[in-house]
C-alpha atoms as a PDB file:
ATOM      1  CA  MET A   1     137.508 -94.358 151.141  1.00  0.00           C
ATOM      2  CA  ASN A   2     136.692 -94.083 154.709  1.00  0.00           C
ATOM      3  CA  TRP A   3     133.202 -92.609 156.510  1.00  0.00           C
ATOM      4  CA  GLU A   4     134.855 -89.308 157.494  1.00  0.00           C
ATOM      5  CA  ALA A   5     136.310 -88.409 154.649  1.00  0.00           C
ATOM      6  CA  PHE A   6     132.758 -89.797 152.873  1.00  0.00           C
ATOM      7  CA  ALA A   7     131.181 -87.043 155.275  1.00  0.00           C
ATOM      8  CA  ALA A   8     133.730 -84.112 154.894  1.00  0.00           C
ATOM      9  CA  ILE A   9     132.634 -84.445 151.305  1.00  0.00           C
ATOM     10  CA  ALA A  10     129.066 -84.401 151.537  1.00  0.00           C
ATOM     11  CA  GLU A  11     129.444 -81.494 154.319  1.00  0.00           C
ATOM     12  CA  ALA A  12     130.858 -79.452 151.393  1.00  0.00           C
ATOM     13  CA  VAL A  13     128.409 -80.810 148.549  1.00  0.00           C
ATOM     14  CA  GLY A  14     125.898 -79.325 151.341  1.00  0.00           C
ATOM     15  CA  ALA A  15     126.922 -76.107 151.824  1.00  0.00           C
ATOM     16  CA  THR A  16     127.656 -75.827 148.284  1.00  0.00           C
ATOM     17  CA  ALA A  17     124.386 -76.351 147.671  1.00  0.00           C
ATOM     18  CA  VAL A  18     122.956 -73.976 150.732  1.00  0.00           C
ATOM     19  CA  LEU A  19     125.455 -71.199 149.183  1.00  0.00           C
ATOM     20  CA  ALA A  20     124.024 -71.770 145.707  1.00  0.00           C
ATOM     21  CA  THR A  21     120.648 -71.813 146.818  1.00  0.00           C
ATOM     22  CA  LEU A  22     120.678 -68.425 149.274  1.00  0.00           C
ATOM     23  CA  ILE A  23     122.387 -67.216 145.888  1.00  0.00           C
ATOM     24  CA  TYR A  24     119.219 -68.345 143.763  1.00  0.00           C
ATOM     25  CA  LEU A  25     116.916 -66.766 146.473  1.00  0.00           C
ATOM     26  CA  ALA A  26     118.258 -63.598 146.358  1.00  0.00           C
ATOM     27  CA  ARG A  27     118.468 -62.800 142.905  1.00  0.00           C
ATOM     28  CA  GLN A  28     114.389 -64.241 143.169  1.00  0.00           C
ATOM     29  CA  VAL A  29     114.209 -61.398 145.450  1.00  0.00           C
ATOM     30  CA  ARG A  30     115.593 -58.798 143.847  1.00  0.00           C
ATOM     31  CA  GLN A  31     113.970 -59.230 140.343  1.00  0.00           C
ATOM     32  CA  ALA A  32     110.148 -59.575 142.693  1.00  0.00           C
ATOM     33  CA  ARG A  33     111.516 -56.030 144.154  1.00  0.00           C
ATOM     34  CA  TYR A  34     111.892 -54.893 140.709  1.00  0.00           C
ATOM     35  CA  GLU A  35     108.513 -56.012 139.251  1.00  0.00           C
ATOM     36  CA  GLN A  36     106.996 -54.823 142.122  1.00  0.00           C
ATOM     37  CA  GLN A  37     108.821 -51.063 141.827  1.00  0.00           C
ATOM     38  CA  ALA A  38     107.537 -51.481 138.181  1.00  0.00           C
ATOM     39  CA  ALA A  39     104.604 -52.499 138.559  1.00  0.00           C
ATOM     40  CA  ALA A  40     103.861 -49.350 141.033  1.00  0.00           C
ATOM     41  CA  ILE A  41     105.446 -46.490 138.859  1.00  0.00           C
ATOM     42  CA  ARG A  42     103.428 -47.980 136.053  1.00  0.00           C
ATOM     43  CA  ALA A  43     100.369 -47.589 138.032  1.00  0.00           C
ATOM     44  CA  ASN A  44     100.954 -44.545 139.215  1.00  0.00           C
ATOM     45  CA  ARG A  45     101.855 -43.069 136.215  1.00  0.00           C
ATOM     46  CA  ASN A  46      98.727 -44.363 134.475  1.00  0.00           C
ATOM     47  CA  GLU A  47      96.889 -42.652 137.684  1.00  0.00           C
ATOM     48  CA  ARG A  48      98.291 -39.705 136.676  1.00  0.00           C
ATOM     49  CA  ARG A  49      97.511 -40.055 133.049  1.00  0.00           C
ATOM     50  CA  GLN A  50      93.469 -40.748 133.810  1.00  0.00           C
ATOM     51  CA  PHE A  51      93.878 -37.369 136.353  1.00  0.00           C
ATOM     52  CA  PHE A  52      95.233 -35.224 133.918  1.00  0.00           C
ATOM     53  CA  GLU A  53      92.877 -36.414 130.971  1.00  0.00           C
ATOM     54  CA  MET A  54      90.194 -35.287 133.147  1.00  0.00           C
ATOM     55  CA  ALA A  55      90.743 -32.491 134.025  1.00  0.00           C
ATOM     56  CA  ARG A  56      91.796 -31.643 130.504  1.00  0.00           C
ATOM     57  CA  ASP A  57      88.243 -33.401 129.214  1.00  0.00           C
ATOM     58  CA  SER A  58      85.837 -31.701 131.770  1.00  0.00           C
ATOM     59  CA  ALA A  59      83.016 -30.354 130.704  1.00  0.00           C
ATOM     60  CA  TYR A  60      83.492 -27.986 133.733  1.00  0.00           C
ATOM     61  CA  LEU A  61      86.618 -27.954 134.982  1.00  0.00           C
ATOM     62  CA  PRO A  62      88.453 -25.720 133.162  1.00  0.00           C
ATOM     63  CA  ALA A  63      86.034 -23.077 133.423  1.00  0.00           C
ATOM     64  CA  ILE A  64      85.343 -23.803 137.446  1.00  0.00           C
ATOM     65  CA  GLN A  65      89.146 -23.536 137.711  1.00  0.00           C
ATOM     66  CA  CYS A  66      89.496 -20.346 135.285  1.00  0.00           C
ATOM     67  CA  LYS A  67      86.688 -18.752 137.745  1.00  0.00           C
ATOM     68  CA  ALA A  68      87.943 -19.372 140.558  1.00  0.00           C
ATOM     69  CA  ALA A  69      91.191 -18.038 139.967  1.00  0.00           C
ATOM     70  CA  ALA A  70      89.921 -14.368 138.999  1.00  0.00           C
ATOM     71  CA  GLY A  71      88.110 -14.477 142.159  1.00  0.00           C
ATOM     72  CA  GLU A  72      84.916 -14.731 141.294  1.00  0.00           C
ATOM     73  CA  THR A  73      81.937 -16.375 143.649  1.00  0.00           C
ATOM     74  CA  LEU A  74      81.184 -20.333 142.861  1.00  0.00           C
ATOM     75  CA  SER A  75      77.935 -22.068 142.625  1.00  0.00           C
ATOM     76  CA  PRO A  76      77.217 -24.495 144.953  1.00  0.00           C
ATOM     77  CA  GLU A  77      77.734 -27.645 142.208  1.00  0.00           C
ATOM     78  CA  GLU A  78      81.010 -25.669 140.932  1.00  0.00           C
ATOM     79  CA  SER A  79      82.280 -25.428 144.544  1.00  0.00           C
ATOM     80  CA  ARG A  80      81.126 -29.311 144.612  1.00  0.00           C
ATOM     81  CA  ARG A  81      83.136 -29.994 141.553  1.00  0.00           C
ATOM     82  CA  LEU A  82      85.895 -28.200 142.605  1.00  0.00           C
ATOM     83  CA  LEU A  83      86.118 -29.558 145.841  1.00  0.00           C
ATOM     84  CA  SER A  84      86.126 -33.193 144.560  1.00  0.00           C
ATOM     85  CA  HIS A  85      88.398 -32.167 142.039  1.00  0.00           C
ATOM     86  CA  ASN A  86      90.966 -31.356 144.585  1.00  0.00           C
ATOM     87  CA  SER A  87      90.699 -34.117 146.634  1.00  0.00           C
ATOM     88  CA  ALA A  88      91.558 -36.302 143.783  1.00  0.00           C
ATOM     89  CA  LEU A  89      94.015 -34.217 143.109  1.00  0.00           C
ATOM     90  CA  TRP A  90      96.029 -34.275 146.881  1.00  0.00           C
ATOM     91  CA  SER A  91      94.258 -38.167 146.694  1.00  0.00           C
ATOM     92  CA  LEU A  92      96.925 -38.647 143.817  1.00  0.00           C
ATOM     93  CA  ILE A  93     100.210 -36.593 145.443  1.00  0.00           C
ATOM     94  CA  TYR A  94      99.781 -38.378 148.378  1.00  0.00           C
ATOM     95  CA  SER A  95     100.021 -41.839 146.771  1.00  0.00           C
ATOM     96  CA  GLU A  96     103.439 -40.653 144.973  1.00  0.00           C
ATOM     97  CA  TRP A  97     103.951 -39.126 148.071  1.00  0.00           C
ATOM     98  CA  VAL A  98     104.002 -43.160 150.056  1.00  0.00           C
ATOM     99  CA  GLN A  99     105.403 -44.860 146.989  1.00  0.00           C
ATOM    100  CA  LYS A 100     108.516 -42.687 147.884  1.00  0.00           C
ATOM    101  CA  GLN A 101     108.229 -43.395 151.046  1.00  0.00           C
ATOM    102  CA  LEU A 102     107.921 -47.302 150.820  1.00  0.00           C
ATOM    103  CA  GLY A 103     111.027 -47.118 148.241  1.00  0.00           C
ATOM    104  CA  LEU A 104     108.886 -47.928 145.560  1.00  0.00           C
ATOM    105  CA  SER A 105     109.283 -45.096 143.234  1.00  0.00           C
ATOM    106  CA  GLY A 106     112.799 -45.490 141.259  1.00  0.00           C
ATOM    107  CA  GLU A 107     115.292 -43.197 140.425  1.00  0.00           C
ATOM    108  CA  TYR A 108     112.622 -41.817 137.429  1.00  0.00           C
ATOM    109  CA  ALA A 109     109.905 -41.042 139.590  1.00  0.00           C
ATOM    110  CA  THR A 110     109.023 -37.113 139.090  1.00  0.00           C
ATOM    111  CA  SER A 111     109.696 -35.088 141.968  1.00  0.00           C
ATOM    112  CA  ILE A 112     107.137 -34.955 145.067  1.00  0.00           C
ATOM    113  CA  ASP A 113     108.796 -32.087 146.277  1.00  0.00           C
ATOM    114  CA  TYR A 114     107.766 -30.261 142.882  1.00  0.00           C
ATOM    115  CA  ASN A 115     104.273 -31.789 142.372  1.00  0.00           C
ATOM    116  CA  ILE A 116     103.584 -30.553 145.857  1.00  0.00           C
ATOM    117  CA  ALA A 117     105.166 -27.162 145.272  1.00  0.00           C
ATOM    118  CA  LEU A 118     102.551 -26.821 141.901  1.00  0.00           C
ATOM    119  CA  ALA A 119      99.633 -28.071 143.981  1.00  0.00           C
ATOM    120  CA  ILE A 120      99.840 -25.624 146.402  1.00  0.00           C
ATOM    121  CA  SER A 121     100.241 -23.216 143.583  1.00  0.00           C
ATOM    122  CA  GLN A 122      97.211 -23.435 142.505  1.00  0.00           C
ATOM    123  CA  PRO A 123      94.676 -21.654 145.451  1.00  0.00           C
ATOM    124  CA  SER A 124      92.240 -23.569 145.660  1.00  0.00           C
ATOM    125  CA  ALA A 125      94.357 -27.238 146.197  1.00  0.00           C
ATOM    126  CA  HIS A 126      96.052 -24.834 148.901  1.00  0.00           C
ATOM    127  CA  VAL A 127      92.782 -24.328 150.586  1.00  0.00           C
ATOM    128  CA  TRP A 128      91.196 -27.723 150.271  1.00  0.00           C
ATOM    129  CA  PHE A 129      94.991 -28.892 151.887  1.00  0.00           C
ATOM    130  CA  GLN A 130      94.581 -26.503 154.747  1.00  0.00           C
ATOM    131  CA  GLU A 131      91.153 -27.398 155.378  1.00  0.00           C
ATOM    132  CA  TYR A 132      91.054 -31.271 154.749  1.00  0.00           C
ATOM    133  CA  GLY A 133      94.010 -32.268 154.070  1.00  0.00           C
ATOM    134  CA  LYS A 134      95.713 -31.070 157.287  1.00  0.00           C
ATOM    135  CA  LEU A 135      93.005 -33.731 159.238  1.00  0.00           C
ATOM    136  CA  LEU A 136      92.672 -36.341 156.407  1.00  0.00           C
ATOM    137  CA  TYR A 137      96.521 -37.483 155.984  1.00  0.00           C
ATOM    138  CA  PRO A 138      99.123 -38.238 158.324  1.00  0.00           C
ATOM    139  CA  ASP A 139     101.703 -35.966 160.228  1.00  0.00           C
ATOM    140  CA  ARG A 140     104.715 -37.283 158.327  1.00  0.00           C
ATOM    141  CA  PHE A 141     102.749 -36.151 155.135  1.00  0.00           C
ATOM    142  CA  VAL A 142     101.205 -33.111 156.651  1.00  0.00           C
ATOM    143  CA  SER A 143     104.952 -32.300 157.479  1.00  0.00           C
ATOM    144  CA  ASP A 144     106.487 -32.029 154.298  1.00  0.00           C
ATOM    145  CA  VAL A 145     103.952 -30.100 153.158  1.00  0.00           C
ATOM    146  CA  GLU A 146     104.019 -27.423 154.758  1.00  0.00           C
ATOM    147  CA  ARG A 147     107.628 -27.825 155.103  1.00  0.00           C
ATOM    148  CA  ILE A 148     107.300 -26.777 150.944  1.00  0.00           C
ATOM    149  CA  LEU A 149     104.937 -24.325 151.747  1.00  0.00           C
ATOM    150  CA  ARG A 150     107.516 -22.292 154.575  1.00  0.00           C
ATOM    151  CA  GLN A 151     110.120 -22.837 151.199  1.00  0.00           C
ATOM    152  CA  ALA A 152     107.800 -21.759 148.165  1.00  0.00           C
ATOM    153  CA  ASP A 153     107.144 -18.252 151.063  1.00  0.00           C
ATOM    154  CA  ARG A 154     110.590 -17.596 151.211  1.00  0.00           C
ATOM    155  CA  SER A 155     111.237 -17.330 147.545  1.00  0.00           C
END
């Protein structure tokens, strides 16, 4: 066997090894992305569950929300509790929106548009967003919320 044939065989084996390595790395990256996406979804679902359990089990919140919905004046303490609740609500919604923007939501994520529409259907959450959210959150998120508000107004 001459050296040229040996070099050609070695080059073919080297190219095959590089191709096999690239295929392996592509699979690893795909698997890591899937695991990252699954972890993000699990963390988000856990946050949502904890938030709704907190709202359900709160000794204060249901009465405050009923009082606010009836247009009754809230005490300073009740106002503060409702403000904190709405801050947590919008923080959760923003977190979901960011996950969607980053492509981490996956195909099984809840509709961010529906979650926003649901939040703004609550007068105190709507007011919180107008007073604080527009200043706190990035313009793209604010634009999405305002788009959903316009759609709700048309309905």
